[in-house]
Amino acid sequence: MRRDDLPQGKMYITAPAVDNNDGSISATITLPYYLANGKLLDIGAMDILISTIGKDLLAPTKYKNEGQAFLIADIAKLVFFLGFNDTFQPDDTYGQY
């Protein structure tokens, strides 16, 4: 996404991405901070590890005590699934299986 396409004055969350160095998956959240007079003071940002969300929130989630929860990005990319392995990796498109 180009800088000009970002929503102005609102929180923005990037699409999850796989780190080529360590294989971790994270998303970045950015939020502008304005002074009372409306002047932009700064932009805060933080990275969130998707594995933390997956292990702490999704892994224990069951439907009628069965199955496994998973997380997909809006571009149909798998982001978190407990069943990931060497041939079924994060960032795969779920339609190819």
PDB file of N, CA and C in Angstrom:
ATOM      1  N   MET A   1       0.850  -1.174   0.000  1.00  0.00           N
ATOM      2  CA  MET A   1       0.000   0.000   0.000  1.00  0.00           C
ATOM      3  C   MET A   1       0.893   1.234   0.000  1.00  0.00           C
ATOM      4  N   ARG A   2       0.524   2.185  -0.825  1.00  0.00           N
ATOM      5  CA  ARG A   2       1.275   3.445  -0.880  1.00  0.00           C
ATOM      6  C   ARG A   2       0.902   4.329   0.292  1.00  0.00           C
ATOM      7  N   ARG A   3       1.833   5.178   0.668  1.00  0.00           N
ATOM      8  CA  ARG A   3       1.599   6.095   1.796  1.00  0.00           C
ATOM      9  C   ARG A   3       0.362   6.953   1.563  1.00  0.00           C
ATOM     10  N   ASP A   4       0.136   7.400   0.342  1.00  0.00           N
ATOM     11  CA  ASP A   4      -1.015   8.250   0.042  1.00  0.00           C
ATOM     12  C   ASP A   4      -2.345   7.508   0.189  1.00  0.00           C
ATOM     13  N   ASP A   5      -2.299   6.164   0.169  1.00  0.00           N
ATOM     14  CA  ASP A   5      -3.518   5.373   0.273  1.00  0.00           C
ATOM     15  C   ASP A   5      -3.911   5.068   1.719  1.00  0.00           C
ATOM     16  N   LEU A   6      -3.034   5.392   2.665  1.00  0.00           N
ATOM     17  CA  LEU A   6      -3.321   5.109   4.064  1.00  0.00           C
ATOM     18  C   LEU A   6      -4.439   6.002   4.581  1.00  0.00           C
ATOM     19  N   PRO A   7      -5.272   5.470   5.474  1.00  0.00           N
ATOM     20  CA  PRO A   7      -6.339   6.301   6.040  1.00  0.00           C
ATOM     21  C   PRO A   7      -5.744   7.429   6.879  1.00  0.00           C
ATOM     22  N   GLN A   8      -6.196   8.621   6.664  1.00  0.00           N
ATOM     23  CA  GLN A   8      -5.664   9.787   7.367  1.00  0.00           C
ATOM     24  C   GLN A   8      -6.328   9.942   8.731  1.00  0.00           C
ATOM     25  N   GLY A   9      -5.509  10.099   9.770  1.00  0.00           N
ATOM     26  CA  GLY A   9      -6.020  10.372  11.098  1.00  0.00           C
ATOM     27  C   GLY A   9      -6.649   9.195  11.809  1.00  0.00           C
ATOM     28  N   LYS A  10      -6.428   7.981  11.327  1.00  0.00           N
ATOM     29  CA  LYS A  10      -7.047   6.801  11.922  1.00  0.00           C
ATOM     30  C   LYS A  10      -6.004   5.716  12.178  1.00  0.00           C
ATOM     31  N   MET A  11      -6.388   4.758  12.990  1.00  0.00           N
ATOM     32  CA  MET A  11      -5.536   3.610  13.231  1.00  0.00           C
ATOM     33  C   MET A  11      -5.413   2.817  11.924  1.00  0.00           C
ATOM     34  N   TYR A  12      -4.232   2.252  11.721  1.00  0.00           N
ATOM     35  CA  TYR A  12      -4.009   1.422  10.542  1.00  0.00           C
ATOM     36  C   TYR A  12      -3.273   0.157  10.975  1.00  0.00           C
ATOM     37  N   ILE A  13      -3.728  -0.986  10.502  1.00  0.00           N
ATOM     38  CA  ILE A  13      -3.091  -2.265  10.802  1.00  0.00           C
ATOM     39  C   ILE A  13      -2.612  -2.867   9.492  1.00  0.00           C
ATOM     40  N   THR A  14      -1.318  -3.176   9.431  1.00  0.00           N
ATOM     41  CA  THR A  14      -0.774  -3.771   8.206  1.00  0.00           C
ATOM     42  C   THR A  14      -1.215  -5.220   8.087  1.00  0.00           C
ATOM     43  N   ALA A  15      -1.139  -5.753   6.896  1.00  0.00           N
ATOM     44  CA  ALA A  15      -1.385  -7.175   6.692  1.00  0.00           C
ATOM     45  C   ALA A  15      -0.262  -7.955   7.377  1.00  0.00           C
ATOM     46  N   PRO A  16      -0.570  -9.097   7.965  1.00  0.00           N
ATOM     47  CA  PRO A  16       0.482  -9.901   8.582  1.00  0.00           C
ATOM     48  C   PRO A  16       1.533 -10.302   7.551  1.00  0.00           C
ATOM     49  N   ALA A  17       2.771 -10.338   7.997  1.00  0.00           N
ATOM     50  CA  ALA A  17       3.874 -10.696   7.110  1.00  0.00           C
ATOM     51  C   ALA A  17       4.830 -11.644   7.820  1.00  0.00           C
ATOM     52  N   VAL A  18       5.428 -12.542   7.049  1.00  0.00           N
ATOM     53  CA  VAL A  18       6.398 -13.490   7.586  1.00  0.00           C
ATOM     54  C   VAL A  18       7.777 -12.848   7.555  1.00  0.00           C
ATOM     55  N   ASP A  19       8.474 -12.891   8.684  1.00  0.00           N
ATOM     56  CA  ASP A  19       9.838 -12.374   8.778  1.00  0.00           C
ATOM     57  C   ASP A  19      10.782 -13.394   8.146  1.00  0.00           C
ATOM     58  N   ASN A  20      11.534 -12.976   7.144  1.00  0.00           N
ATOM     59  CA  ASN A  20      12.440 -13.887   6.445  1.00  0.00           C
ATOM     60  C   ASN A  20      13.589 -14.361   7.321  1.00  0.00           C
ATOM     61  N   ASN A  21      13.919 -13.627   8.368  1.00  0.00           N
ATOM     62  CA  ASN A  21      15.042 -14.008   9.230  1.00  0.00           C
ATOM     63  C   ASN A  21      14.690 -15.122  10.208  1.00  0.00           C
ATOM     64  N   ASP A  22      13.546 -14.993  10.877  1.00  0.00           N
ATOM     65  CA  ASP A  22      13.225 -15.983  11.908  1.00  0.00           C
ATOM     66  C   ASP A  22      11.908 -16.721  11.691  1.00  0.00           C
ATOM     67  N   GLY A  23      11.165 -16.375  10.636  1.00  0.00           N
ATOM     68  CA  GLY A  23       9.916 -17.061  10.330  1.00  0.00           C
ATOM     69  C   GLY A  23       8.723 -16.615  11.146  1.00  0.00           C
ATOM     70  N   SER A  24       8.915 -15.642  12.042  1.00  0.00           N
ATOM     71  CA  SER A  24       7.792 -15.157  12.835  1.00  0.00           C
ATOM     72  C   SER A  24       6.843 -14.352  11.946  1.00  0.00           C
ATOM     73  N   ILE A  25       5.609 -14.268  12.387  1.00  0.00           N
ATOM     74  CA  ILE A  25       4.591 -13.526  11.644  1.00  0.00           C
ATOM     75  C   ILE A  25       4.107 -12.398  12.542  1.00  0.00           C
ATOM     76  N   SER A  26       4.094 -11.200  11.995  1.00  0.00           N
ATOM     77  CA  SER A  26       3.633 -10.065  12.788  1.00  0.00           C
ATOM     78  C   SER A  26       2.858  -9.088  11.919  1.00  0.00           C
ATOM     79  N   ALA A  27       2.097  -8.259  12.591  1.00  0.00           N
ATOM     80  CA  ALA A  27       1.390  -7.147  11.962  1.00  0.00           C
ATOM     81  C   ALA A  27       1.779  -5.895  12.730  1.00  0.00           C
ATOM     82  N   THR A  28       1.712  -4.762  12.080  1.00  0.00           N
ATOM     83  CA  THR A  28       2.050  -3.498  12.719  1.00  0.00           C
ATOM     84  C   THR A  28       0.797  -2.641  12.843  1.00  0.00           C
ATOM     85  N   ILE A  29       0.612  -2.069  14.012  1.00  0.00           N
ATOM     86  CA  ILE A  29      -0.501  -1.153  14.264  1.00  0.00           C
ATOM     87  C   ILE A  29       0.078   0.249  14.414  1.00  0.00           C
ATOM     88  N   THR A  30      -0.451   1.202  13.666  1.00  0.00           N
ATOM     89  CA  THR A  30      -0.016   2.590  13.788  1.00  0.00           C
ATOM     90  C   THR A  30      -1.226   3.462  14.129  1.00  0.00           C
ATOM     91  N   LEU A  31      -0.962   4.511  14.888  1.00  0.00           N
ATOM     92  CA  LEU A  31      -2.029   5.418  15.298  1.00  0.00           C
ATOM     93  C   LEU A  31      -1.454   6.812  15.481  1.00  0.00           C
ATOM     94  N   PRO A  32      -2.043   7.801  14.810  1.00  0.00           N
ATOM     95  CA  PRO A  32      -1.560   9.173  14.996  1.00  0.00           C
ATOM     96  C   PRO A  32      -2.035   9.733  16.336  1.00  0.00           C
ATOM     97  N   TYR A  33      -1.243  10.644  16.885  1.00  0.00           N
ATOM     98  CA  TYR A  33      -1.616  11.312  18.133  1.00  0.00           C
ATOM     99  C   TYR A  33      -1.641  12.813  17.862  1.00  0.00           C
ATOM    100  N   TYR A  34      -2.798  13.426  18.118  1.00  0.00           N
ATOM    101  CA  TYR A  34      -2.988  14.852  17.845  1.00  0.00           C
ATOM    102  C   TYR A  34      -3.080  15.658  19.136  1.00  0.00           C
ATOM    103  N   LEU A  35      -2.577  16.868  19.096  1.00  0.00           N
ATOM    104  CA  LEU A  35      -2.736  17.814  20.205  1.00  0.00           C
ATOM    105  C   LEU A  35      -4.171  18.327  20.215  1.00  0.00           C
ATOM    106  N   ALA A  36      -4.552  18.996  21.292  1.00  0.00           N
ATOM    107  CA  ALA A  36      -5.910  19.526  21.418  1.00  0.00           C
ATOM    108  C   ALA A  36      -6.250  20.490  20.286  1.00  0.00           C
ATOM    109  N   ASN A  37      -5.236  21.192  19.736  1.00  0.00           N
ATOM    110  CA  ASN A  37      -5.500  22.138  18.651  1.00  0.00           C
ATOM    111  C   ASN A  37      -5.567  21.459  17.283  1.00  0.00           C
ATOM    112  N   GLY A  38      -5.478  20.118  17.252  1.00  0.00           N
ATOM    113  CA  GLY A  38      -5.593  19.379  16.003  1.00  0.00           C
ATOM    114  C   GLY A  38      -4.282  19.138  15.279  1.00  0.00           C
ATOM    115  N   LYS A  39      -3.197  19.684  15.805  1.00  0.00           N
ATOM    116  CA  LYS A  39      -1.892  19.510  15.167  1.00  0.00           C
ATOM    117  C   LYS A  39      -1.343  18.112  15.477  1.00  0.00           C
ATOM    118  N   LEU A  40      -0.837  17.454  14.447  1.00  0.00           N
ATOM    119  CA  LEU A  40      -0.247  16.130  14.618  1.00  0.00           C
ATOM    120  C   LEU A  40       1.012  16.239  15.465  1.00  0.00           C
ATOM    121  N   LEU A  41       1.061  15.493  16.555  1.00  0.00           N
ATOM    122  CA  LEU A  41       2.235  15.487  17.417  1.00  0.00           C
ATOM    123  C   LEU A  41       3.188  14.375  17.016  1.00  0.00           C
ATOM    124  N   ASP A  42       2.655  13.179  16.823  1.00  0.00           N
ATOM    125  CA  ASP A  42       3.509  12.034  16.526  1.00  0.00           C
ATOM    126  C   ASP A  42       2.644  10.878  16.038  1.00  0.00           C
ATOM    127  N   ILE A  43       3.299   9.827  15.612  1.00  0.00           N
ATOM    128  CA  ILE A  43       2.624   8.594  15.223  1.00  0.00           C
ATOM    129  C   ILE A  43       3.228   7.467  16.043  1.00  0.00           C
ATOM    130  N   GLY A  44       2.391   6.757  16.748  1.00  0.00           N
ATOM    131  CA  GLY A  44       2.845   5.609  17.524  1.00  0.00           C
ATOM    132  C   GLY A  44       2.654   4.343  16.712  1.00  0.00           C
ATOM    133  N   ALA A  45       3.531   3.390  16.909  1.00  0.00           N
ATOM    134  CA  ALA A  45       3.427   2.122  16.194  1.00  0.00           C
ATOM    135  C   ALA A  45       3.941   0.990  17.060  1.00  0.00           C
ATOM    136  N   MET A  46       3.384  -0.193  16.848  1.00  0.00           N
ATOM    137  CA  MET A  46       3.899  -1.375  17.529  1.00  0.00           C
ATOM    138  C   MET A  46       3.628  -2.595  16.675  1.00  0.00           C
ATOM    139  N   ASP A  47       4.514  -3.565  16.829  1.00  0.00           N
ATOM    140  CA  ASP A  47       4.359  -4.839  16.141  1.00  0.00           C
ATOM    141  C   ASP A  47       3.686  -5.828  17.085  1.00  0.00           C
ATOM    142  N   ILE A  48       2.808  -6.643  16.529  1.00  0.00           N
ATOM    143  CA  ILE A  48       2.136  -7.682  17.301  1.00  0.00           C
ATOM    144  C   ILE A  48       2.468  -9.017  16.666  1.00  0.00           C
ATOM    145  N   LEU A  49       3.015  -9.922  17.458  1.00  0.00           N
ATOM    146  CA  LEU A  49       3.295 -11.263  16.960  1.00  0.00           C
ATOM    147  C   LEU A  49       1.989 -12.037  16.829  1.00  0.00           C
ATOM    148  N   ILE A  50       1.735 -12.534  15.648  1.00  0.00           N
ATOM    149  CA  ILE A  50       0.516 -13.297  15.407  1.00  0.00           C
ATOM    150  C   ILE A  50       0.536 -14.597  16.215  1.00  0.00           C
ATOM    151  N   SER A  51       1.726 -15.146  16.455  1.00  0.00           N
ATOM    152  CA  SER A  51       1.816 -16.378  17.244  1.00  0.00           C
ATOM    153  C   SER A  51       1.262 -16.167  18.655  1.00  0.00           C
ATOM    154  N   THR A  52       1.441 -14.983  19.205  1.00  0.00           N
ATOM    155  CA  THR A  52       0.903 -14.690  20.535  1.00  0.00           C
ATOM    156  C   THR A  52      -0.615 -14.713  20.505  1.00  0.00           C
ATOM    157  N   ILE A  53      -1.191 -14.080  19.509  1.00  0.00           N
ATOM    158  CA  ILE A  53      -2.651 -14.099  19.359  1.00  0.00           C
ATOM    159  C   ILE A  53      -3.125 -15.532  19.142  1.00  0.00           C
ATOM    160  N   GLY A  54      -2.415 -16.255  18.297  1.00  0.00           N
ATOM    161  CA  GLY A  54      -2.806 -17.625  17.989  1.00  0.00           C
ATOM    162  C   GLY A  54      -2.744 -18.543  19.184  1.00  0.00           C
ATOM    163  N   LYS A  55      -1.633 -18.520  19.893  1.00  0.00           N
ATOM    164  CA  LYS A  55      -1.454 -19.440  21.020  1.00  0.00           C
ATOM    165  C   LYS A  55      -2.311 -19.062  22.219  1.00  0.00           C
ATOM    166  N   ASP A  56      -2.450 -17.773  22.483  1.00  0.00           N
ATOM    167  CA  ASP A  56      -3.184 -17.340  23.674  1.00  0.00           C
ATOM    168  C   ASP A  56      -4.696 -17.244  23.462  1.00  0.00           C
ATOM    169  N   LEU A  57      -5.122 -16.884  22.253  1.00  0.00           N
ATOM    170  CA  LEU A  57      -6.555 -16.682  22.018  1.00  0.00           C
ATOM    171  C   LEU A  57      -7.192 -17.743  21.122  1.00  0.00           C
ATOM    172  N   LEU A  58      -6.533 -18.085  20.028  1.00  0.00           N
ATOM    173  CA  LEU A  58      -7.151 -19.001  19.072  1.00  0.00           C
ATOM    174  C   LEU A  58      -7.009 -20.473  19.434  1.00  0.00           C
ATOM    175  N   ALA A  59      -5.830 -20.884  19.903  1.00  0.00           N
ATOM    176  CA  ALA A  59      -5.583 -22.301  20.174  1.00  0.00           C
ATOM    177  C   ALA A  59      -6.611 -22.921  21.128  1.00  0.00           C
ATOM    178  N   PRO A  60      -6.979 -22.225  22.197  1.00  0.00           N
ATOM    179  CA  PRO A  60      -7.962 -22.825  23.104  1.00  0.00           C
ATOM    180  C   PRO A  60      -9.405 -22.773  22.588  1.00  0.00           C
ATOM    181  N   THR A  61      -9.648 -22.057  21.513  1.00  0.00           N
ATOM    182  CA  THR A  61     -11.008 -21.868  21.008  1.00  0.00           C
ATOM    183  C   THR A  61     -11.484 -23.107  20.244  1.00  0.00           C
ATOM    184  N   LYS A  62     -12.635 -23.611  20.634  1.00  0.00           N
ATOM    185  CA  LYS A  62     -13.245 -24.779  19.987  1.00  0.00           C
ATOM    186  C   LYS A  62     -14.706 -24.472  19.712  1.00  0.00           C
ATOM    187  N   TYR A  63     -15.230 -25.104  18.682  1.00  0.00           N
ATOM    188  CA  TYR A  63     -16.660 -25.034  18.409  1.00  0.00           C
ATOM    189  C   TYR A  63     -17.248 -26.375  18.839  1.00  0.00           C
ATOM    190  N   LYS A  64     -18.100 -26.349  19.829  1.00  0.00           N
ATOM    191  CA  LYS A  64     -18.687 -27.566  20.395  1.00  0.00           C
ATOM    192  C   LYS A  64     -17.602 -28.560  20.791  1.00  0.00           C
ATOM    193  N   ASN A  65     -16.507 -28.033  21.355  1.00  0.00           N
ATOM    194  CA  ASN A  65     -15.373 -28.824  21.830  1.00  0.00           C
ATOM    195  C   ASN A  65     -14.662 -29.603  20.733  1.00  0.00           C
ATOM    196  N   GLU A  66     -14.770 -29.168  19.496  1.00  0.00           N
ATOM    197  CA  GLU A  66     -14.094 -29.841  18.394  1.00  0.00           C
ATOM    198  C   GLU A  66     -13.431 -28.829  17.475  1.00  0.00           C
ATOM    199  N   GLY A  67     -12.530 -29.311  16.651  1.00  0.00           N
ATOM    200  CA  GLY A  67     -11.899 -28.493  15.629  1.00  0.00           C
ATOM    201  C   GLY A  67     -10.809 -27.584  16.166  1.00  0.00           C
ATOM    202  N   GLN A  68     -10.243 -26.810  15.254  1.00  0.00           N
ATOM    203  CA  GLN A  68      -9.194 -25.863  15.606  1.00  0.00           C
ATOM    204  C   GLN A  68      -9.505 -24.522  14.954  1.00  0.00           C
ATOM    205  N   ALA A  69      -9.324 -23.469  15.711  1.00  0.00           N
ATOM    206  CA  ALA A  69      -9.517 -22.123  15.176  1.00  0.00           C
ATOM    207  C   ALA A  69      -8.306 -21.746  14.326  1.00  0.00           C
ATOM    208  N   PHE A  70      -8.513 -20.884  13.359  1.00  0.00           N
ATOM    209  CA  PHE A  70      -7.424 -20.399  12.520  1.00  0.00           C
ATOM    210  C   PHE A  70      -7.680 -18.944  12.192  1.00  0.00           C
ATOM    211  N   LEU A  71      -6.673 -18.283  11.663  1.00  0.00           N
ATOM    212  CA  LEU A  71      -6.769 -16.868  11.343  1.00  0.00           C
ATOM    213  C   LEU A  71      -6.330 -16.668   9.903  1.00  0.00           C
ATOM    214  N   ILE A  72      -7.154 -15.963   9.132  1.00  0.00           N
ATOM    215  CA  ILE A  72      -6.780 -15.636   7.757  1.00  0.00           C
ATOM    216  C   ILE A  72      -6.813 -14.122   7.588  1.00  0.00           C
ATOM    217  N   ALA A  73      -5.958 -13.632   6.701  1.00  0.00           N
ATOM    218  CA  ALA A  73      -5.969 -12.206   6.360  1.00  0.00           C
ATOM    219  C   ALA A  73      -7.047 -11.975   5.313  1.00  0.00           C
ATOM    220  N   ASP A  74      -7.417 -10.725   5.125  1.00  0.00           N
ATOM    221  CA  ASP A  74      -8.484 -10.409   4.173  1.00  0.00           C
ATOM    222  C   ASP A  74      -8.098 -10.700   2.728  1.00  0.00           C
ATOM    223  N   ILE A  75      -6.857 -11.069   2.488  1.00  0.00           N
ATOM    224  CA  ILE A  75      -6.417 -11.411   1.138  1.00  0.00           C
ATOM    225  C   ILE A  75      -6.320 -12.931   0.967  1.00  0.00           C
ATOM    226  N   ALA A  76      -7.063 -13.672   1.798  1.00  0.00           N
ATOM    227  CA  ALA A  76      -7.159 -15.130   1.753  1.00  0.00           C
ATOM    228  C   ALA A  76      -5.845 -15.833   2.037  1.00  0.00           C
ATOM    229  N   LYS A  77      -5.015 -15.228   2.849  1.00  0.00           N
ATOM    230  CA  LYS A  77      -3.755 -15.861   3.264  1.00  0.00           C
ATOM    231  C   LYS A  77      -3.921 -16.401   4.680  1.00  0.00           C
ATOM    232  N   LEU A  78      -3.493 -17.646   4.873  1.00  0.00           N
ATOM    233  CA  LEU A  78      -3.508 -18.212   6.216  1.00  0.00           C
ATOM    234  C   LEU A  78      -2.433 -17.548   7.055  1.00  0.00           C
ATOM    235  N   VAL A  79      -2.794 -17.133   8.236  1.00  0.00           N
ATOM    236  CA  VAL A  79      -1.874 -16.426   9.116  1.00  0.00           C
ATOM    237  C   VAL A  79      -1.512 -17.296  10.322  1.00  0.00           C
ATOM    238  N   PHE A  80      -2.506 -17.968  10.909  1.00  0.00           N
ATOM    239  CA  PHE A  80      -2.228 -18.836  12.051  1.00  0.00           C
ATOM    240  C   PHE A  80      -3.110 -20.060  11.972  1.00  0.00           C
ATOM    241  N   PHE A  81      -2.488 -21.224  12.179  1.00  0.00           N
ATOM    242  CA  PHE A  81      -3.188 -22.497  12.256  1.00  0.00           C
ATOM    243  C   PHE A  81      -2.284 -23.458  13.011  1.00  0.00           C
ATOM    244  N   LEU A  82      -2.822 -24.150  14.006  1.00  0.00           N
ATOM    245  CA  LEU A  82      -1.996 -25.064  14.795  1.00  0.00           C
ATOM    246  C   LEU A  82      -1.424 -26.200  13.945  1.00  0.00           C
ATOM    247  N   GLY A  83      -2.058 -26.486  12.822  1.00  0.00           N
ATOM    248  CA  GLY A  83      -1.614 -27.584  11.974  1.00  0.00           C
ATOM    249  C   GLY A  83      -0.550 -27.221  10.954  1.00  0.00           C
ATOM    250  N   PHE A  84       0.037 -26.022  11.034  1.00  0.00           N
ATOM    251  CA  PHE A  84       1.109 -25.688  10.095  1.00  0.00           C
ATOM    252  C   PHE A  84       2.245 -26.687  10.230  1.00  0.00           C
ATOM    253  N   ASN A  85       2.847 -27.046   9.085  1.00  0.00           N
ATOM    254  CA  ASN A  85       4.002 -27.940   9.082  1.00  0.00           C
ATOM    255  C   ASN A  85       4.903 -27.572   7.909  1.00  0.00           C
ATOM    256  N   ASP A  86       5.858 -28.414   7.563  1.00  0.00           N
ATOM    257  CA  ASP A  86       6.827 -28.088   6.512  1.00  0.00           C
ATOM    258  C   ASP A  86       6.180 -27.870   5.145  1.00  0.00           C
ATOM    259  N   THR A  87       5.071 -28.538   4.870  1.00  0.00           N
ATOM    260  CA  THR A  87       4.429 -28.381   3.562  1.00  0.00           C
ATOM    261  C   THR A  87       3.213 -27.464   3.604  1.00  0.00           C
ATOM    262  N   PHE A  88       2.753 -27.139   4.775  1.00  0.00           N
ATOM    263  CA  PHE A  88       1.592 -26.270   4.955  1.00  0.00           C
ATOM    264  C   PHE A  88       2.026 -25.115   5.825  1.00  0.00           C
ATOM    265  N   GLN A  89       2.457 -24.031   5.189  1.00  0.00           N
ATOM    266  CA  GLN A  89       3.130 -22.922   5.851  1.00  0.00           C
ATOM    267  C   GLN A  89       2.231 -21.692   6.006  1.00  0.00           C
ATOM    268  N   PRO A  90       2.577 -20.825   6.986  1.00  0.00           N
ATOM    269  CA  PRO A  90       1.901 -19.525   7.046  1.00  0.00           C
ATOM    270  C   PRO A  90       2.098 -18.786   5.725  1.00  0.00           C
ATOM    271  N   ASP A  91       1.147 -18.005   5.370  1.00  0.00           N
ATOM    272  CA  ASP A  91       1.156 -17.182   4.161  1.00  0.00           C
ATOM    273  C   ASP A  91       0.728 -17.967   2.924  1.00  0.00           C
ATOM    274  N   ASP A  92       0.394 -19.261   3.073  1.00  0.00           N
ATOM    275  CA  ASP A  92      -0.164 -20.007   1.947  1.00  0.00           C
ATOM    276  C   ASP A  92      -1.585 -19.520   1.698  1.00  0.00           C
ATOM    277  N   THR A  93      -2.032 -19.613   0.475  1.00  0.00           N
ATOM    278  CA  THR A  93      -3.407 -19.272   0.146  1.00  0.00           C
ATOM    279  C   THR A  93      -4.262 -20.493   0.417  1.00  0.00           C
ATOM    280  N   TYR A  94      -5.317 -20.349   1.217  1.00  0.00           N
ATOM    281  CA  TYR A  94      -6.092 -21.531   1.606  1.00  0.00           C
ATOM    282  C   TYR A  94      -6.794 -22.172   0.432  1.00  0.00           C
ATOM    283  N   GLY A  95      -7.029 -21.474  -0.651  1.00  0.00           N
ATOM    284  CA  GLY A  95      -7.703 -22.041  -1.811  1.00  0.00           C
ATOM    285  C   GLY A  95      -6.884 -23.081  -2.548  1.00  0.00           C
ATOM    286  N   GLN A  96      -5.575 -23.155  -2.293  1.00  0.00           N
ATOM    287  CA  GLN A  96      -4.759 -24.118  -3.016  1.00  0.00           C
ATOM    288  C   GLN A  96      -4.785 -25.506  -2.377  1.00  0.00           C
ATOM    289  N   TYR A  97      -5.524 -25.693  -1.267  1.00  0.00           N
ATOM    290  CA  TYR A  97      -5.571 -27.004  -0.606  1.00  0.00           C
ATOM    291  C   TYR A  97      -6.922 -27.626  -0.719  1.00  0.00           C
TER     292      TYR A  97
END
